Structure formats: structure tokens, C-alpha cells
Amino acid sequence: MSKLVVLYPQPIDAEQFDKAYAAEHIPLCREKLKGMKLVVTHIKAAAAGESPYYLMAEVWAPSIEALQGFLGTPDGQAVAGHAFGISTGGPPTVLFTEEDVHQL
């Protein structure tokens, strides 16, 4: 599986960001990300110092090409534009990743 990882920097107003993410962004993702999975992780601490990131969103899809193709559509542009619009602490970092899972 492949993932689009979005790392949101610390927002100017965390409460405002949380409200916008829950009330606007999640419903938009539900509407537009058909057939994909969204995992949202709230970052609580860093190993050393303060974390530069507040929230991590992962969109799972069968391939990086599927994710890139989605971002080129009007639905993908709407989701990406909204993600950047609510990120008041600066632009989010966007990464394309592939999973290697090892049972330990």
C-alpha cells in the first residue's frame, strides 16, 4: 500500500484548527476520497524538544500513481486546497510513501 502523508505544522490557534479539521476537512474527505482510507494522528510529543508538527494525516491507496492521479482531479484539488487553507502555522509537508511491514 501507498500513502500520502500530510504533516501539519503547529497552528497559530490549535482550537480553531481542530474545529476546522473536524467540521470541514473530515466531511470533505469523506465526500471526495472514495475508495481510500484516511488515518489522522494527533502528535502529542517529540523525543526531544517540541514537535514541529501538530497533526499527521495519512491517505491510503493502492499506489503512488493512484494518489498522484487523484490530486490532479478537481476533487483532489479541493481537498488539497482546503488542507493548505486551514494550516495556519505554515504550509503542511506532503510526502508520498510506501509501506514495508515487518513482524517483530
Protein backbone atom coordinates (compact mmCIF):
# COMPACT_ATOMS: atom_id res chain seq x y z
CA MET A 1 0.00 0.00 0.00
CA SER A 2 0.99 3.57 -0.60
CA LYS A 3 0.24 6.65 1.45
CA LEU A 4 0.02 10.36 1.03
CA VAL A 5 1.29 11.75 4.34
CA VAL A 6 0.37 15.31 5.31
CA LEU A 7 2.24 16.80 8.28
CA TYR A 8 0.56 19.94 9.62
CA PRO A 9 2.81 22.40 11.49
CA GLN A 10 1.81 23.76 14.88
CA PRO A 11 -1.19 26.02 14.17
CA ILE A 12 -1.48 29.61 15.33
CA ASP A 13 -4.73 28.67 17.13
CA ALA A 14 -5.00 24.93 17.86
CA GLU A 15 -8.66 25.11 18.87
CA GLN A 16 -9.61 26.87 15.64
CA PHE A 17 -7.59 24.36 13.57
CA ASP A 18 -9.20 21.39 15.35
CA LYS A 19 -12.69 22.77 14.72
CA ALA A 20 -11.98 23.42 11.03
CA TYR A 21 -10.40 19.99 10.58
CA ALA A 22 -13.29 18.16 12.27
CA ALA A 23 -16.19 20.22 10.89
CA GLU A 24 -14.89 20.95 7.39
CA HIS A 25 -11.93 18.83 6.31
CA ILE A 26 -13.06 15.39 7.50
CA PRO A 27 -16.51 15.76 5.82
CA LEU A 28 -14.80 16.97 2.63
CA CYS A 29 -12.50 13.92 2.70
CA ARG A 30 -15.49 11.60 3.25
CA GLU A 31 -17.14 13.09 0.18
CA LYS A 32 -14.10 13.17 -2.12
CA LEU A 33 -11.79 10.31 -1.07
CA LYS A 34 -13.99 7.43 -2.23
CA GLY A 35 -12.24 4.06 -2.01
CA MET A 36 -9.33 5.41 0.05
CA LYS A 37 -8.67 5.29 3.77
CA LEU A 38 -7.85 8.31 5.94
CA VAL A 39 -5.94 7.92 9.21
CA VAL A 40 -5.49 11.01 11.41
CA THR A 41 -2.82 11.07 14.12
CA HIS A 42 -2.64 13.80 16.76
CA ILE A 43 1.01 14.39 17.62
CA LYS A 44 1.39 14.81 21.39
CA ALA A 45 5.16 15.00 21.92
CA ALA A 46 8.58 14.63 20.32
CA ALA A 47 11.53 12.61 21.58
CA ALA A 48 13.48 15.83 22.11
CA GLY A 49 12.10 19.33 22.30
CA GLU A 50 8.76 20.45 20.91
CA SER A 51 7.38 18.73 17.82
CA PRO A 52 7.27 20.95 14.74
CA TYR A 53 4.12 19.03 13.75
CA TYR A 54 0.66 19.14 15.26
CA LEU A 55 -1.22 16.56 13.21
CA MET A 56 -0.42 13.85 10.67
CA ALA A 57 -2.95 12.71 8.10
CA GLU A 58 -2.38 9.58 6.01
CA VAL A 59 -4.41 8.79 2.91
CA TRP A 60 -4.01 5.13 1.93
CA ALA A 61 -4.35 4.00 -1.69
CA PRO A 62 -3.17 1.07 -3.85
CA SER A 63 -0.29 3.04 -5.43
CA ILE A 64 1.51 6.35 -5.50
CA GLU A 65 0.24 6.77 -9.06
CA ALA A 66 -3.36 6.50 -7.79
CA LEU A 67 -2.66 9.20 -5.19
CA GLN A 68 -0.96 11.47 -7.72
CA GLY A 69 -3.80 10.89 -10.18
CA PHE A 70 -6.37 11.80 -7.53
CA LEU A 71 -4.52 15.04 -6.71
CA GLY A 72 -4.78 16.02 -10.37
CA THR A 73 -8.59 15.87 -10.30
CA PRO A 74 -10.97 18.66 -9.22
CA ASP A 75 -11.84 16.58 -6.11
CA GLY A 76 -8.17 16.17 -5.26
CA GLN A 77 -7.52 19.86 -5.78
CA ALA A 78 -10.46 20.72 -3.49
CA VAL A 79 -9.12 18.50 -0.68
CA ALA A 80 -5.52 19.73 -1.07
CA GLY A 81 -6.59 23.37 -1.28
CA HIS A 82 -8.63 23.05 1.87
CA ALA A 83 -5.77 21.30 3.70
CA PHE A 84 -3.42 24.17 2.85
CA GLY A 85 -6.10 26.75 3.65
CA ILE A 86 -6.68 25.59 7.23
CA SER A 87 -2.96 25.15 8.00
CA THR A 88 -2.40 28.46 9.81
CA GLY A 89 1.09 27.57 11.09
CA GLY A 90 2.50 27.43 7.56
CA PRO A 91 2.12 25.06 4.65
CA PRO A 92 1.86 21.38 5.50
CA THR A 93 4.59 18.97 4.43
CA VAL A 94 3.26 16.47 1.87
CA LEU A 95 5.01 13.13 1.28
CA PHE A 96 4.31 10.07 -0.86
CA THR A 97 5.30 6.84 0.90
CA GLU A 98 5.17 3.07 0.51
CA GLU A 99 4.85 0.64 3.40
CA ASP A 100 7.18 -2.23 4.27
CA VAL A 101 5.71 -4.08 7.25
CA HIS A 102 7.95 -6.35 9.35
CA GLN A 103 6.54 -8.56 12.08
CA LEU A 104 8.82 -8.27 15.13
